[in-house]
C-alpha atoms as a PDB file:
ATOM      1  CA  MET A   1      -3.492 -10.303  -5.605  1.00  0.00           C
ATOM      2  CA  ASP A   2      -5.997  -9.194  -3.067  1.00  0.00           C
ATOM      3  CA  VAL A   3      -9.067  -9.823  -5.119  1.00  0.00           C
ATOM      4  CA  SER A   4      -7.952 -12.651  -7.468  1.00  0.00           C
ATOM      5  CA  GLY A   5      -5.778 -14.496  -4.955  1.00  0.00           C
ATOM      6  CA  SER A   6      -3.000 -14.721  -7.541  1.00  0.00           C
ATOM      7  CA  SER A   7       0.711 -14.916  -6.542  1.00  0.00           C
ATOM      8  CA  GLU A   8       2.930 -11.813  -6.873  1.00  0.00           C
ATOM      9  CA  THR A   9       4.634 -13.321  -9.951  1.00  0.00           C
ATOM     10  CA  GLN A  10       1.188 -13.855 -11.646  1.00  0.00           C
ATOM     11  CA  ALA A  11       0.018 -10.438 -10.645  1.00  0.00           C
ATOM     12  CA  ILE A  12       3.097  -8.702 -11.951  1.00  0.00           C
ATOM     13  CA  LYS A  13       3.017 -10.613 -15.228  1.00  0.00           C
ATOM     14  CA  HIS A  14      -0.693  -9.941 -15.720  1.00  0.00           C
ATOM     15  CA  TYR A  15      -0.412  -6.180 -14.903  1.00  0.00           C
ATOM     16  CA  TRP A  16       2.454  -5.447 -17.245  1.00  0.00           C
ATOM     17  CA  GLY A  17       1.129  -7.746 -19.968  1.00  0.00           C
ATOM     18  CA  HIS A  18      -2.511  -6.506 -20.029  1.00  0.00           C
ATOM     19  CA  LEU A  19      -3.260  -3.470 -17.872  1.00  0.00           C
ATOM     20  CA  ALA A  20      -0.235  -1.158 -17.635  1.00  0.00           C
ATOM     21  CA  GLU A  21       0.496   1.899 -19.791  1.00  0.00           C
ATOM     22  CA  HIS A  22       3.949   2.552 -20.934  1.00  0.00           C
ATOM     23  CA  GLU A  23       5.981   3.095 -17.747  1.00  0.00           C
ATOM     24  CA  SER A  24       9.736   3.372 -17.768  1.00  0.00           C
ATOM     25  CA  SER A  25      11.840   0.399 -16.696  1.00  0.00           C
ATOM     26  CA  GLU A  26      12.639   2.297 -13.442  1.00  0.00           C
ATOM     27  CA  GLU A  27       8.899   2.681 -12.642  1.00  0.00           C
ATOM     28  CA  GLN A  28       8.335  -0.966 -13.510  1.00  0.00           C
ATOM     29  CA  ALA A  29      11.175  -2.003 -11.212  1.00  0.00           C
ATOM     30  CA  PHE A  30       9.829   0.195  -8.364  1.00  0.00           C
ATOM     31  CA  ALA A  31       6.320  -1.178  -8.657  1.00  0.00           C
ATOM     32  CA  ASN A  32       7.538  -4.737  -8.897  1.00  0.00           C
ATOM     33  CA  ASP A  33       9.674  -4.246  -5.755  1.00  0.00           C
ATOM     34  CA  ILE A  34       6.648  -3.018  -3.801  1.00  0.00           C
ATOM     35  CA  VAL A  35       4.609  -6.029  -4.910  1.00  0.00           C
ATOM     36  CA  ARG A  36       7.307  -8.519  -4.006  1.00  0.00           C
ATOM     37  CA  ALA A  37       8.028  -6.774  -0.697  1.00  0.00           C
ATOM     38  CA  TYR A  38       4.422  -6.947   0.277  1.00  0.00           C
ATOM     39  CA  ALA A  39       4.057 -10.596  -0.681  1.00  0.00           C
ATOM     40  CA  GLU A  40       7.195 -11.470   1.431  1.00  0.00           C
ATOM     41  CA  SER A  41       5.801  -9.739   4.538  1.00  0.00           C
ATOM     42  CA  ARG A  42       2.045  -9.913   4.020  1.00  0.00           C
ATOM     43  CA  ASP A  43       1.232 -11.098   7.503  1.00  0.00           C
ATOM     44  CA  GLU A  44       3.389  -8.423   9.131  1.00  0.00           C
ATOM     45  CA  VAL A  45       2.068  -5.573   6.984  1.00  0.00           C
ATOM     46  CA  ASP A  46      -1.485  -6.634   7.428  1.00  0.00           C
ATOM     47  CA  GLY A  47      -0.787  -6.875  11.242  1.00  0.00           C
ATOM     48  CA  PHE A  48       0.137  -3.222  11.285  1.00  0.00           C
ATOM     49  CA  ILE A  49      -3.103  -2.385   9.605  1.00  0.00           C
ATOM     50  CA  ARG A  50      -5.150  -4.518  11.979  1.00  0.00           C
ATOM     51  CA  ALA A  51      -3.471  -2.910  15.081  1.00  0.00           C
ATOM     52  CA  SER A  52      -3.778   0.613  13.852  1.00  0.00           C
ATOM     53  CA  SER A  53      -7.185   0.702  12.190  1.00  0.00           C
ATOM     54  CA  HIS A  54      -9.520   1.101  15.079  1.00  0.00           C
ATOM     55  CA  HIS A  55     -13.081  -0.159  14.638  1.00  0.00           C
ATOM     56  CA  TRP A  56     -12.243  -1.597  11.130  1.00  0.00           C
ATOM     57  CA  ARG A  57     -11.483  -5.186  10.443  1.00  0.00           C
ATOM     58  CA  LEU A  58      -9.081  -5.714   7.517  1.00  0.00           C
ATOM     59  CA  GLU A  59     -11.422  -7.899   5.629  1.00  0.00           C
ATOM     60  CA  ARG A  60     -14.277  -5.326   5.851  1.00  0.00           C
ATOM     61  CA  MET A  61     -12.183  -2.341   4.727  1.00  0.00           C
ATOM     62  CA  PRO A  62     -12.779  -0.950   1.202  1.00  0.00           C
ATOM     63  CA  ILE A  63     -10.403  -2.621  -1.226  1.00  0.00           C
ATOM     64  CA  VAL A  64      -8.830   0.600  -2.272  1.00  0.00           C
ATOM     65  CA  ASP A  65      -8.171   1.769   1.312  1.00  0.00           C
ATOM     66  CA  ARG A  66      -6.729  -1.592   2.321  1.00  0.00           C
ATOM     67  CA  ASN A  67      -4.299  -1.822  -0.667  1.00  0.00           C
ATOM     68  CA  VAL A  68      -3.206   1.787  -0.481  1.00  0.00           C
ATOM     69  CA  LEU A  69      -2.278   1.204   3.148  1.00  0.00           C
ATOM     70  CA  ARG A  70      -0.392  -1.970   2.170  1.00  0.00           C
ATOM     71  CA  VAL A  71       1.699  -0.131  -0.416  1.00  0.00           C
ATOM     72  CA  ALA A  72       2.455   2.810   1.909  1.00  0.00           C
ATOM     73  CA  ILE A  73       3.460   0.446   4.717  1.00  0.00           C
ATOM     74  CA  VAL A  74       5.918  -1.308   2.488  1.00  0.00           C
ATOM     75  CA  GLU A  75       7.385   2.040   1.502  1.00  0.00           C
ATOM     76  CA  LEU A  76       7.592   3.186   5.172  1.00  0.00           C
ATOM     77  CA  ARG A  77       9.273  -0.051   6.268  1.00  0.00           C
ATOM     78  CA  ARG A  78      11.631  -0.825   3.384  1.00  0.00           C
ATOM     79  CA  MET A  79      12.356   2.310   1.334  1.00  0.00           C
ATOM     80  CA  ASN A  80      14.262   4.599   3.672  1.00  0.00           C
ATOM     81  CA  ASP A  81      15.162   6.976   0.896  1.00  0.00           C
ATOM     82  CA  ILE A  82      11.478   8.049   0.563  1.00  0.00           C
ATOM     83  CA  PRO A  83      10.555  10.599   3.278  1.00  0.00           C
ATOM     84  CA  LYS A  84       7.522   9.750   5.502  1.00  0.00           C
ATOM     85  CA  ARG A  85       5.670  12.855   4.381  1.00  0.00           C
ATOM     86  CA  VAL A  86       5.985  11.888   0.691  1.00  0.00           C
ATOM     87  CA  THR A  87       4.670   8.333   1.405  1.00  0.00           C
ATOM     88  CA  LEU A  88       1.737   9.636   3.389  1.00  0.00           C
ATOM     89  CA  ASN A  89       0.796  12.436   0.959  1.00  0.00           C
ATOM     90  CA  GLU A  90       0.911  10.021  -2.065  1.00  0.00           C
ATOM     91  CA  ALA A  91      -1.148   7.484  -0.183  1.00  0.00           C
ATOM     92  CA  VAL A  92      -3.779  10.088   0.779  1.00  0.00           C
ATOM     93  CA  GLU A  93      -4.000  11.373  -2.776  1.00  0.00           C
ATOM     94  CA  LEU A  94      -4.464   7.840  -4.131  1.00  0.00           C
ATOM     95  CA  ALA A  95      -7.164   7.162  -1.467  1.00  0.00           C
ATOM     96  CA  LYS A  96      -8.995  10.359  -2.346  1.00  0.00           C
ATOM     97  CA  ARG A  97      -8.743   9.703  -6.093  1.00  0.00           C
ATOM     98  CA  PHE A  98      -9.811   6.041  -6.108  1.00  0.00           C
ATOM     99  CA  GLY A  99     -11.533   5.526  -2.814  1.00  0.00           C
ATOM    100  CA  SER A 100     -14.607   6.873  -1.216  1.00  0.00           C
ATOM    101  CA  GLU A 101     -15.282  10.253   0.335  1.00  0.00           C
ATOM    102  CA  GLY A 102     -13.672   9.392   3.656  1.00  0.00           C
ATOM    103  CA  SER A 103     -10.796   7.343   2.330  1.00  0.00           C
ATOM    104  CA  GLY A 104      -8.198  10.103   2.436  1.00  0.00           C
ATOM    105  CA  SER A 105      -8.788  10.893   6.127  1.00  0.00           C
ATOM    106  CA  PHE A 106      -8.952   7.184   6.994  1.00  0.00           C
ATOM    107  CA  VAL A 107      -5.673   6.363   5.246  1.00  0.00           C
ATOM    108  CA  ASN A 108      -3.999   9.448   6.709  1.00  0.00           C
ATOM    109  CA  GLY A 109      -4.973   8.511  10.281  1.00  0.00           C
ATOM    110  CA  VAL A 110      -3.916   4.891  10.008  1.00  0.00           C
ATOM    111  CA  LEU A 111      -0.577   5.621   8.255  1.00  0.00           C
ATOM    112  CA  ASP A 112       0.267   8.349  10.744  1.00  0.00           C
ATOM    113  CA  ARG A 113      -0.132   5.903  13.658  1.00  0.00           C
ATOM    114  CA  ILE A 114       1.900   3.275  11.853  1.00  0.00           C
ATOM    115  CA  ALA A 115       4.671   5.638  10.811  1.00  0.00           C
ATOM    116  CA  THR A 116       4.983   6.798  14.455  1.00  0.00           C
ATOM    117  CA  GLU A 117       5.068   3.199  15.612  1.00  0.00           C
ATOM    118  CA  LEU A 118       7.899   2.563  13.097  1.00  0.00           C
ATOM    119  CA  GLY A 119       9.796   5.530  14.402  1.00  0.00           C
ATOM    120  CA  LYS A 120       9.551   7.477  11.104  1.00  0.00           C
ATOM    121  CA  SER A 121       9.762  11.173  11.619  1.00  0.00           C
END
């Protein structure tokens, strides 16, 4: 969605039709929920990133970092059954694995500020 400009429906259909491995229906539902939740609240989620990422414009952030932050913010805001620490740890690991050398630290710092702002303990 970020790179291609496609809608959430198009992105979901394309991913499961062409790119995904064999995830369970529960994993598919979880991923689809995150994509839809982000699409519904894109401006608000991106606003959290803009307000909390000092010295970085959203548009200039590495794509991986920006999208890991988006997924994690959706989890923090909408999925109360997932503990804050789990969301942050998974986001940092994704950033380290798929981002640049400093991605893990950057994502951790931004998400920690956002989680605090959201009142997540």
